[in-house]
Amino acid sequence: MDSSVVFNIVTTAIAVVAVVTSVVFGARQARIAKHANHISVMMDLFAEFRSVEFHEQHDYVTTRLGAECDPAGGVRGLPAEPRAAFYSVVYYYQSFANLAVFGLLDETLLATVLRTRIVSVWEAVRPFVERERELRGEAGGGTYMSIFEELARLAADLPPEHVRARLTASRRGRLRGLD
């Protein structure tokens, strides 16, 4: 075989290896960047989660809203303080759900981390949201809070042991990295 042919084959092989390596590392960097975006968004939203006022409003919505207020007036019919608590808590979770819909946040991660809270808030506000949909003329599957409703459905469908399974898988992955 001519030495120039061998040289061409070797240089072509090196070029192919370089391209494949670049593609692999580029895909890995994109995946890392995506996870970095998730972390940043989660941390910003969890800042609100650390406030005492948010937890007081959350407790109000999940334990007292339905007992103290009639859903017949929908959300707009709530008195000022209960309505403020509703908006603060429900739109907090709606923000997470919106980010998940647009691919800025992993909805399964979100539903795993906030599973119980999302489900309890949805159960508490559901009669008010459904009545609000009727008042808006959206009866029969309206759009008001539909993204949050879908997030609550996803969270409710996750088995309770899902969180534990994710933690176990995460630990195994970290331990493999130590080998």
N, C-alpha and C. Protein backbone atom coordinates (compact mmCIF):
# COMPACT_ATOMS: atom_id res chain seq x y z
N MET A 1 0.85 -1.17 0.00
CA MET A 1 0.00 0.00 0.00
C MET A 1 0.90 1.23 0.00
N ASP A 2 0.51 2.20 -0.75
CA ASP A 2 1.28 3.44 -0.87
C ASP A 2 1.27 4.20 0.46
N SER A 3 2.38 4.80 0.81
CA SER A 3 2.49 5.51 2.09
C SER A 3 1.55 6.71 2.15
N SER A 4 1.24 7.33 1.03
CA SER A 4 0.32 8.47 1.04
C SER A 4 -1.12 8.02 1.35
N VAL A 5 -1.49 6.83 0.90
CA VAL A 5 -2.82 6.29 1.20
C VAL A 5 -2.92 5.99 2.70
N VAL A 6 -1.89 5.38 3.26
CA VAL A 6 -1.87 5.08 4.70
C VAL A 6 -1.96 6.38 5.49
N PHE A 7 -1.19 7.37 5.04
CA PHE A 7 -1.21 8.67 5.72
C PHE A 7 -2.61 9.28 5.69
N ASN A 8 -3.28 9.21 4.55
CA ASN A 8 -4.64 9.75 4.41
C ASN A 8 -5.63 9.00 5.31
N ILE A 9 -5.50 7.69 5.39
CA ILE A 9 -6.39 6.90 6.24
C ILE A 9 -6.19 7.26 7.70
N VAL A 10 -4.94 7.38 8.11
CA VAL A 10 -4.64 7.72 9.51
C VAL A 10 -5.16 9.12 9.85
N THR A 11 -4.92 10.09 8.98
CA THR A 11 -5.39 11.45 9.26
C THR A 11 -6.90 11.53 9.26
N THR A 12 -7.55 10.78 8.38
CA THR A 12 -9.02 10.75 8.36
C THR A 12 -9.55 10.12 9.65
N ALA A 13 -8.92 9.04 10.10
CA ALA A 13 -9.33 8.39 11.35
C ALA A 13 -9.17 9.34 12.53
N ILE A 14 -8.07 10.06 12.58
CA ILE A 14 -7.85 11.04 13.65
C ILE A 14 -8.92 12.13 13.60
N ALA A 15 -9.25 12.59 12.42
CA ALA A 15 -10.28 13.63 12.27
C ALA A 15 -11.64 13.12 12.74
N VAL A 16 -11.98 11.88 12.39
CA VAL A 16 -13.26 11.30 12.82
C VAL A 16 -13.30 11.18 14.34
N VAL A 17 -12.23 10.71 14.95
CA VAL A 17 -12.16 10.61 16.41
C VAL A 17 -12.31 11.98 17.04
N ALA A 18 -11.68 12.99 16.47
CA ALA A 18 -11.78 14.36 17.00
C ALA A 18 -13.22 14.88 16.93
N VAL A 19 -13.90 14.62 15.82
CA VAL A 19 -15.29 15.07 15.67
C VAL A 19 -16.19 14.35 16.66
N VAL A 20 -16.06 13.05 16.77
CA VAL A 20 -16.88 12.27 17.70
C VAL A 20 -16.64 12.75 19.14
N THR A 21 -15.39 12.96 19.49
CA THR A 21 -15.06 13.44 20.84
C THR A 21 -15.69 14.81 21.09
N SER A 22 -15.63 15.70 20.12
CA SER A 22 -16.23 17.03 20.25
C SER A 22 -17.73 16.94 20.45
N VAL A 23 -18.39 16.08 19.68
CA VAL A 23 -19.84 15.91 19.80
C VAL A 23 -20.21 15.37 21.18
N VAL A 24 -19.48 14.38 21.65
CA VAL A 24 -19.77 13.78 22.96
C VAL A 24 -19.59 14.83 24.06
N PHE A 25 -18.48 15.55 24.03
CA PHE A 25 -18.24 16.55 25.07
C PHE A 25 -19.23 17.72 24.95
N GLY A 26 -19.62 18.08 23.73
CA GLY A 26 -20.62 19.14 23.55
C GLY A 26 -21.97 18.75 24.13
N ALA A 27 -22.38 17.50 23.89
CA ALA A 27 -23.65 17.02 24.44
C ALA A 27 -23.60 17.00 25.97
N ARG A 28 -22.47 16.59 26.49
CA ARG A 28 -22.31 16.55 27.96
C ARG A 28 -22.38 17.96 28.54
N GLN A 29 -21.74 18.92 27.90
CA GLN A 29 -21.78 20.30 28.36
C GLN A 29 -23.20 20.85 28.31
N ALA A 30 -23.94 20.52 27.27
CA ALA A 30 -25.33 20.98 27.16
C ALA A 30 -26.18 20.42 28.28
N ARG A 31 -25.96 19.14 28.61
CA ARG A 31 -26.70 18.51 29.70
C ARG A 31 -26.35 19.17 31.04
N ILE A 32 -25.09 19.45 31.27
CA ILE A 32 -24.65 20.11 32.50
C ILE A 32 -25.24 21.51 32.59
N ALA A 33 -25.25 22.24 31.48
CA ALA A 33 -25.81 23.59 31.47
C ALA A 33 -27.31 23.56 31.77
N LYS A 34 -28.00 22.56 31.23
CA LYS A 34 -29.44 22.44 31.49
C LYS A 34 -29.68 22.21 32.98
N HIS A 35 -28.90 21.33 33.60
CA HIS A 35 -29.05 21.09 35.03
C HIS A 35 -28.70 22.33 35.84
N ALA A 36 -27.72 23.09 35.39
CA ALA A 36 -27.36 24.33 36.09
C ALA A 36 -28.53 25.31 36.04
N ASN A 37 -29.23 25.36 34.92
CA ASN A 37 -30.42 26.22 34.84
C ASN A 37 -31.49 25.77 35.83
N HIS A 38 -31.68 24.48 35.96
CA HIS A 38 -32.67 23.95 36.90
C HIS A 38 -32.32 24.37 38.32
N ILE A 39 -31.07 24.25 38.68
CA ILE A 39 -30.65 24.58 40.03
C ILE A 39 -30.90 26.05 40.32
N SER A 40 -30.54 26.91 39.39
CA SER A 40 -30.73 28.35 39.58
C SER A 40 -32.20 28.70 39.76
N VAL A 41 -33.04 28.16 38.90
CA VAL A 41 -34.48 28.43 38.98
C VAL A 41 -35.05 27.90 40.29
N MET A 42 -34.68 26.68 40.65
CA MET A 42 -35.18 26.09 41.89
C MET A 42 -34.77 26.93 43.10
N MET A 43 -33.54 27.38 43.13
CA MET A 43 -33.07 28.16 44.27
C MET A 43 -33.82 29.48 44.38
N ASP A 44 -34.07 30.14 43.24
CA ASP A 44 -34.82 31.39 43.26
C ASP A 44 -36.23 31.18 43.80
N LEU A 45 -36.87 30.12 43.33
CA LEU A 45 -38.24 29.88 43.79
C LEU A 45 -38.28 29.40 45.24
N PHE A 46 -37.27 28.65 45.65
CA PHE A 46 -37.25 28.18 47.04
C PHE A 46 -36.94 29.29 48.03
N ALA A 47 -36.44 30.43 47.58
CA ALA A 47 -36.21 31.57 48.48
C ALA A 47 -37.54 31.98 49.12
N GLU A 48 -38.60 32.00 48.32
CA GLU A 48 -39.94 32.31 48.85
C GLU A 48 -40.38 31.25 49.84
N PHE A 49 -40.03 30.03 49.56
CA PHE A 49 -40.43 28.89 50.38
C PHE A 49 -39.88 28.99 51.81
N ARG A 50 -38.81 29.72 51.98
CA ARG A 50 -38.20 29.87 53.30
C ARG A 50 -38.84 30.95 54.16
N SER A 51 -39.78 31.69 53.60
CA SER A 51 -40.38 32.78 54.38
C SER A 51 -41.49 32.26 55.31
N VAL A 52 -41.55 32.83 56.47
CA VAL A 52 -42.57 32.46 57.46
C VAL A 52 -43.95 32.81 56.92
N GLU A 53 -44.08 33.96 56.29
CA GLU A 53 -45.37 34.38 55.76
C GLU A 53 -45.91 33.37 54.74
N PHE A 54 -45.05 32.87 53.87
CA PHE A 54 -45.49 31.89 52.89
C PHE A 54 -46.04 30.65 53.59
N HIS A 55 -45.34 30.17 54.61
CA HIS A 55 -45.80 28.97 55.32
C HIS A 55 -47.11 29.21 56.06
N GLU A 56 -47.29 30.40 56.60
CA GLU A 56 -48.56 30.72 57.25
C GLU A 56 -49.69 30.72 56.22
N GLN A 57 -49.44 31.31 55.07
CA GLN A 57 -50.45 31.32 54.01
C GLN A 57 -50.70 29.91 53.48
N HIS A 58 -49.65 29.13 53.36
CA HIS A 58 -49.78 27.75 52.89
C HIS A 58 -50.65 26.95 53.87
N ASP A 59 -50.37 27.07 55.15
CA ASP A 59 -51.16 26.38 56.16
C ASP A 59 -52.61 26.84 56.13
N TYR A 60 -52.82 28.15 55.94
CA TYR A 60 -54.19 28.66 55.86
C TYR A 60 -54.92 28.02 54.67
N VAL A 61 -54.29 28.03 53.52
CA VAL A 61 -54.93 27.50 52.31
C VAL A 61 -55.26 26.03 52.47
N THR A 62 -54.34 25.25 53.03
CA THR A 62 -54.55 23.79 53.09
C THR A 62 -55.42 23.35 54.26
N THR A 63 -55.53 24.15 55.31
CA THR A 63 -56.29 23.69 56.47
C THR A 63 -57.55 24.49 56.78
N ARG A 64 -57.60 25.76 56.38
CA ARG A 64 -58.74 26.58 56.81
C ARG A 64 -59.55 27.21 55.69
N LEU A 65 -58.97 27.35 54.52
CA LEU A 65 -59.67 28.05 53.43
C LEU A 65 -61.04 27.45 53.16
N GLY A 66 -61.11 26.15 52.96
CA GLY A 66 -62.37 25.49 52.64
C GLY A 66 -63.38 25.55 53.77
N ALA A 67 -62.90 25.56 55.02
CA ALA A 67 -63.79 25.61 56.18
C ALA A 67 -64.34 27.01 56.42
N GLU A 68 -63.53 28.02 56.09
CA GLU A 68 -63.92 29.40 56.41
C GLU A 68 -64.56 30.15 55.24
N CYS A 69 -64.35 29.66 54.03
CA CYS A 69 -64.85 30.39 52.86
C CYS A 69 -65.68 29.47 51.97
N ASP A 70 -66.71 30.06 51.37
CA ASP A 70 -67.59 29.32 50.46
C ASP A 70 -67.05 29.42 49.03
N PRO A 71 -66.86 28.30 48.37
CA PRO A 71 -66.34 28.34 47.00
C PRO A 71 -67.36 28.87 45.98
N ALA A 72 -68.59 29.15 46.39
CA ALA A 72 -69.63 29.58 45.45
C ALA A 72 -69.25 30.85 44.69
N GLY A 73 -68.44 31.71 45.30
CA GLY A 73 -68.02 32.94 44.61
C GLY A 73 -66.75 32.77 43.81
N GLY A 74 -66.22 31.55 43.76
CA GLY A 74 -64.97 31.32 43.05
C GLY A 74 -63.81 31.99 43.78
N VAL A 75 -62.73 32.16 43.07
CA VAL A 75 -61.56 32.82 43.66
C VAL A 75 -61.83 34.30 43.83
N ARG A 76 -62.48 34.90 42.85
CA ARG A 76 -62.75 36.34 42.91
C ARG A 76 -63.70 36.71 44.05
N GLY A 77 -64.46 35.74 44.55
CA GLY A 77 -65.40 36.01 45.62
C GLY A 77 -64.81 35.86 47.02
N LEU A 78 -63.55 35.48 47.09
CA LEU A 78 -62.91 35.33 48.40
C LEU A 78 -62.68 36.69 49.05
N PRO A 79 -62.80 36.76 50.38
CA PRO A 79 -62.43 38.00 51.07
C PRO A 79 -60.94 38.31 50.83
N ALA A 80 -60.53 39.53 51.10
CA ALA A 80 -59.19 40.01 50.75
C ALA A 80 -58.06 39.13 51.29
N GLU A 81 -58.05 38.83 52.57
CA GLU A 81 -56.93 38.06 53.14
C GLU A 81 -56.88 36.62 52.63
N PRO A 82 -58.00 35.90 52.60
CA PRO A 82 -57.95 34.56 52.01
C PRO A 82 -57.56 34.58 50.52
N ARG A 83 -58.02 35.60 49.79
CA ARG A 83 -57.66 35.72 48.37
C ARG A 83 -56.16 35.97 48.22
N ALA A 84 -55.59 36.80 49.10
CA ALA A 84 -54.14 37.05 49.06
C ALA A 84 -53.36 35.77 49.34
N ALA A 85 -53.83 34.98 50.30
CA ALA A 85 -53.18 33.71 50.62
C ALA A 85 -53.29 32.75 49.44
N PHE A 86 -54.47 32.70 48.84
CA PHE A 86 -54.69 31.86 47.66
C PHE A 86 -53.69 32.22 46.57
N TYR A 87 -53.66 33.52 46.20
CA TYR A 87 -52.77 33.95 45.12
C TYR A 87 -51.31 33.67 45.44
N SER A 88 -50.91 33.95 46.66
CA SER A 88 -49.51 33.74 47.03
C SER A 88 -49.11 32.28 46.89
N VAL A 89 -49.92 31.40 47.42
CA VAL A 89 -49.57 29.97 47.45
C VAL A 89 -49.81 29.31 46.09
N VAL A 90 -50.97 29.50 45.52
CA VAL A 90 -51.30 28.81 44.27
C VAL A 90 -50.43 29.30 43.12
N TYR A 91 -50.23 30.60 43.02
CA TYR A 91 -49.39 31.10 41.93
C TYR A 91 -47.91 30.76 42.14
N TYR A 92 -47.51 30.51 43.36
CA TYR A 92 -46.16 30.02 43.63
C TYR A 92 -45.96 28.67 42.92
N TYR A 93 -46.87 27.74 43.16
CA TYR A 93 -46.78 26.44 42.51
C TYR A 93 -47.06 26.53 41.01
N GLN A 94 -47.94 27.44 40.61
CA GLN A 94 -48.22 27.66 39.20
C GLN A 94 -46.94 28.12 38.48
N SER A 95 -46.12 28.92 39.15
CA SER A 95 -44.85 29.36 38.56
C SER A 95 -43.95 28.18 38.26
N PHE A 96 -43.85 27.25 39.20
CA PHE A 96 -43.08 26.03 38.97
C PHE A 96 -43.65 25.26 37.77
N ALA A 97 -44.96 25.13 37.76
CA ALA A 97 -45.61 24.37 36.70
C ALA A 97 -45.37 25.02 35.33
N ASN A 98 -45.43 26.35 35.26
CA ASN A 98 -45.18 27.05 34.01
C ASN A 98 -43.75 26.80 33.51
N LEU A 99 -42.80 26.85 34.42
CA LEU A 99 -41.41 26.59 34.05
C LEU A 99 -41.23 25.17 33.53
N ALA A 100 -41.95 24.24 34.12
CA ALA A 100 -41.87 22.85 33.67
C ALA A 100 -42.46 22.70 32.27
N VAL A 101 -43.58 23.37 32.01
CA VAL A 101 -44.23 23.30 30.70
C VAL A 101 -43.29 23.79 29.60
N PHE A 102 -42.52 24.82 29.90
CA PHE A 102 -41.62 25.39 28.89
C PHE A 102 -40.23 24.76 28.91
N GLY A 103 -40.09 23.66 29.65
CA GLY A 103 -38.85 22.91 29.63
C GLY A 103 -37.71 23.52 30.41
N LEU A 104 -38.00 24.52 31.24
CA LEU A 104 -36.95 25.15 32.02
C LEU A 104 -36.72 24.44 33.35
N LEU A 105 -37.58 23.51 33.64
CA LEU A 105 -37.51 22.78 34.90
C LEU A 105 -38.06 21.38 34.67
N ASP A 106 -37.44 20.41 35.26
CA ASP A 106 -37.88 19.02 35.12
C ASP A 106 -39.12 18.82 36.00
N GLU A 107 -40.26 18.54 35.36
CA GLU A 107 -41.51 18.42 36.13
C GLU A 107 -41.49 17.23 37.08
N THR A 108 -40.80 16.16 36.72
CA THR A 108 -40.73 15.01 37.62
C THR A 108 -39.91 15.36 38.85
N LEU A 109 -38.82 16.10 38.66
CA LEU A 109 -38.02 16.57 39.79
C LEU A 109 -38.87 17.43 40.70
N LEU A 110 -39.59 18.36 40.11
CA LEU A 110 -40.45 19.25 40.86
C LEU A 110 -41.52 18.48 41.63
N ALA A 111 -42.20 17.59 40.94
CA ALA A 111 -43.26 16.80 41.58
C ALA A 111 -42.70 15.89 42.66
N THR A 112 -41.47 15.44 42.49
CA THR A 112 -40.83 14.59 43.50
C THR A 112 -40.53 15.39 44.76
N VAL A 113 -39.95 16.57 44.57
CA VAL A 113 -39.53 17.39 45.71
C VAL A 113 -40.73 17.96 46.48
N LEU A 114 -41.76 18.40 45.77
CA LEU A 114 -42.88 19.09 46.40
C LEU A 114 -44.18 18.30 46.35
N ARG A 115 -44.09 17.01 46.16
CA ARG A 115 -45.24 16.14 45.93
C ARG A 115 -46.40 16.38 46.89
N THR A 116 -46.16 16.18 48.17
CA THR A 116 -47.23 16.26 49.17
C THR A 116 -47.85 17.66 49.22
N ARG A 117 -47.02 18.67 49.16
CA ARG A 117 -47.52 20.04 49.23
C ARG A 117 -48.36 20.41 48.01
N ILE A 118 -47.90 20.02 46.84
CA ILE A 118 -48.65 20.34 45.62
C ILE A 118 -50.02 19.67 45.66
N VAL A 119 -50.06 18.42 46.04
CA VAL A 119 -51.33 17.68 46.09
C VAL A 119 -52.25 18.29 47.13
N SER A 120 -51.74 18.61 48.31
CA SER A 120 -52.61 19.16 49.37
C SER A 120 -53.16 20.54 49.00
N VAL A 121 -52.35 21.35 48.33
CA VAL A 121 -52.84 22.67 47.90
C VAL A 121 -53.92 22.49 46.84
N TRP A 122 -53.68 21.62 45.86
CA TRP A 122 -54.68 21.43 44.82
C TRP A 122 -56.00 20.93 45.41
N GLU A 123 -55.93 19.97 46.31
CA GLU A 123 -57.16 19.45 46.92
C GLU A 123 -57.92 20.55 47.65
N ALA A 124 -57.20 21.47 48.30
CA ALA A 124 -57.84 22.55 49.05
C ALA A 124 -58.46 23.61 48.14
N VAL A 125 -57.82 23.91 47.02
CA VAL A 125 -58.30 25.01 46.17
C VAL A 125 -59.17 24.54 45.01
N ARG A 126 -59.22 23.26 44.78
CA ARG A 126 -59.95 22.74 43.63
C ARG A 126 -61.39 23.26 43.53
N PRO A 127 -62.19 23.25 44.61
CA PRO A 127 -63.57 23.75 44.48
C PRO A 127 -63.62 25.23 44.07
N PHE A 128 -62.67 26.02 44.55
CA PHE A 128 -62.63 27.44 44.21
C PHE A 128 -62.22 27.64 42.75
N VAL A 129 -61.27 26.86 42.29
CA VAL A 129 -60.81 26.95 40.90
C VAL A 129 -61.92 26.48 39.95
N GLU A 130 -62.56 25.37 40.27
CA GLU A 130 -63.64 24.88 39.41
C GLU A 130 -64.78 25.89 39.31
N ARG A 131 -65.13 26.51 40.44
CA ARG A 131 -66.20 27.52 40.43
C ARG A 131 -65.75 28.76 39.65
N GLU A 132 -64.48 29.14 39.80
CA GLU A 132 -63.95 30.28 39.06
C GLU A 132 -64.02 30.02 37.56
N ARG A 133 -63.74 28.79 37.15
CA ARG A 133 -63.84 28.43 35.74
C ARG A 133 -65.28 28.60 35.25
N GLU A 134 -66.23 28.18 36.07
CA GLU A 134 -67.64 28.33 35.69
C GLU A 134 -68.00 29.80 35.55
N LEU A 135 -67.53 30.63 36.50
CA LEU A 135 -67.83 32.06 36.46
C LEU A 135 -67.19 32.73 35.24
N ARG A 136 -66.09 32.20 34.78
CA ARG A 136 -65.40 32.74 33.60
C ARG A 136 -65.95 32.16 32.30
N GLY A 137 -66.88 31.23 32.42
CA GLY A 137 -67.42 30.59 31.23
C GLY A 137 -66.52 29.50 30.69
N GLU A 138 -65.68 28.94 31.55
CA GLU A 138 -64.74 27.89 31.14
C GLU A 138 -65.15 26.53 31.68
N ALA A 139 -66.39 26.32 31.97
CA ALA A 139 -66.83 25.05 32.54
C ALA A 139 -66.46 23.89 31.62
N GLY A 140 -66.19 22.74 32.22
CA GLY A 140 -65.86 21.55 31.45
C GLY A 140 -64.42 21.52 30.98
N GLY A 141 -63.49 21.80 31.89
CA GLY A 141 -62.08 21.70 31.54
C GLY A 141 -61.48 23.01 31.10
N GLY A 142 -61.80 24.08 31.80
CA GLY A 142 -61.27 25.39 31.47
C GLY A 142 -59.77 25.50 31.65
N THR A 143 -59.25 26.64 31.28
CA THR A 143 -57.80 26.83 31.31
C THR A 143 -57.29 27.46 32.61
N TYR A 144 -58.17 28.08 33.39
CA TYR A 144 -57.72 28.73 34.61
C TYR A 144 -57.08 27.69 35.55
N MET A 145 -55.82 27.86 35.84
CA MET A 145 -55.04 26.98 36.73
C MET A 145 -54.89 25.56 36.19
N SER A 146 -55.08 25.37 34.89
CA SER A 146 -54.99 24.02 34.34
C SER A 146 -53.57 23.46 34.39
N ILE A 147 -52.58 24.33 34.28
CA ILE A 147 -51.19 23.85 34.34
C ILE A 147 -50.88 23.36 35.75
N PHE A 148 -51.33 24.10 36.76
CA PHE A 148 -51.14 23.67 38.13
C PHE A 148 -51.91 22.38 38.40
N GLU A 149 -53.11 22.28 37.85
CA GLU A 149 -53.90 21.07 38.01
C GLU A 149 -53.17 19.85 37.44
N GLU A 150 -52.55 20.01 36.27
CA GLU A 150 -51.80 18.91 35.67
C GLU A 150 -50.58 18.53 36.50
N LEU A 151 -49.91 19.54 37.06
CA LEU A 151 -48.77 19.26 37.94
C LEU A 151 -49.24 18.49 39.17
N ALA A 152 -50.37 18.87 39.72
CA ALA A 152 -50.92 18.17 40.89
C ALA A 152 -51.29 16.73 40.52
N ARG A 153 -51.81 16.54 39.32
CA ARG A 153 -52.16 15.19 38.86
C ARG A 153 -50.89 14.33 38.74
N LEU A 154 -49.84 14.91 38.17
CA LEU A 154 -48.56 14.20 38.05
C LEU A 154 -48.02 13.85 39.43
N ALA A 155 -48.05 14.81 40.34
CA ALA A 155 -47.55 14.58 41.70
C ALA A 155 -48.37 13.51 42.41
N ALA A 156 -49.68 13.54 42.24
CA ALA A 156 -50.54 12.54 42.88
C ALA A 156 -50.30 11.14 42.32
N ASP A 157 -49.98 11.08 41.03
CA ASP A 157 -49.75 9.78 40.39
C ASP A 157 -48.41 9.16 40.75
N LEU A 158 -47.48 9.97 41.26
CA LEU A 158 -46.20 9.40 41.68
C LEU A 158 -46.42 8.57 42.94
N PRO A 159 -45.92 7.37 42.97
CA PRO A 159 -46.09 6.57 44.19
C PRO A 159 -45.30 7.20 45.34
N PRO A 160 -45.78 7.07 46.56
CA PRO A 160 -45.10 7.68 47.71
C PRO A 160 -43.64 7.25 47.82
N GLU A 161 -43.32 6.04 47.39
CA GLU A 161 -41.94 5.56 47.49
C GLU A 161 -41.04 6.14 46.38
N HIS A 162 -41.60 6.93 45.48
CA HIS A 162 -40.82 7.52 44.39
C HIS A 162 -39.68 8.38 44.92
N VAL A 163 -39.95 9.19 45.93
CA VAL A 163 -38.92 10.06 46.51
C VAL A 163 -37.78 9.21 47.06
N ARG A 164 -38.12 8.19 47.80
CA ARG A 164 -37.10 7.31 48.38
C ARG A 164 -36.29 6.61 47.27
N ALA A 165 -36.96 6.17 46.23
CA ALA A 165 -36.28 5.50 45.12
C ALA A 165 -35.32 6.46 44.42
N ARG A 166 -35.73 7.72 44.23
CA ARG A 166 -34.85 8.71 43.60
C ARG A 166 -33.63 8.99 44.47
N LEU A 167 -33.84 9.09 45.79
CA LEU A 167 -32.72 9.32 46.70
C LEU A 167 -31.75 8.16 46.67
N THR A 168 -32.28 6.95 46.67
CA THR A 168 -31.42 5.76 46.62
C THR A 168 -30.63 5.72 45.33
N ALA A 169 -31.28 6.00 44.21
CA ALA A 169 -30.59 6.00 42.92
C ALA A 169 -29.51 7.08 42.88
N SER A 170 -29.81 8.22 43.46
CA SER A 170 -28.83 9.31 43.50
C SER A 170 -27.62 8.92 44.33
N ARG A 171 -27.86 8.29 45.47
CA ARG A 171 -26.74 7.85 46.32
C ARG A 171 -25.88 6.82 45.61
N ARG A 172 -26.52 5.89 44.93
CA ARG A 172 -25.77 4.86 44.19
C ARG A 172 -24.89 5.49 43.12
N GLY A 173 -25.44 6.49 42.43
CA GLY A 173 -24.67 7.17 41.38
C GLY A 173 -23.48 7.90 41.95
N ARG A 174 -23.65 8.53 43.10
CA ARG A 174 -22.53 9.22 43.74
C ARG A 174 -21.48 8.23 44.23
N LEU A 175 -21.95 7.12 44.74
CA LEU A 175 -21.00 6.11 45.24
C LEU A 175 -20.22 5.49 44.09
N ARG A 176 -20.86 5.30 42.92
CA ARG A 176 -20.16 4.76 41.77
C ARG A 176 -19.05 5.70 41.32
N GLY A 177 -19.29 7.01 41.49
CA GLY A 177 -18.29 7.99 41.10
C GLY A 177 -17.06 7.98 42.00
N LEU A 178 -17.20 7.38 43.20
CA LEU A 178 -16.07 7.31 44.13
C LEU A 178 -15.15 6.13 43.84
N ASP A 179 -15.64 5.18 43.05
CA ASP A 179 -14.84 3.98 42.75
C ASP A 179 -13.60 4.33 41.94
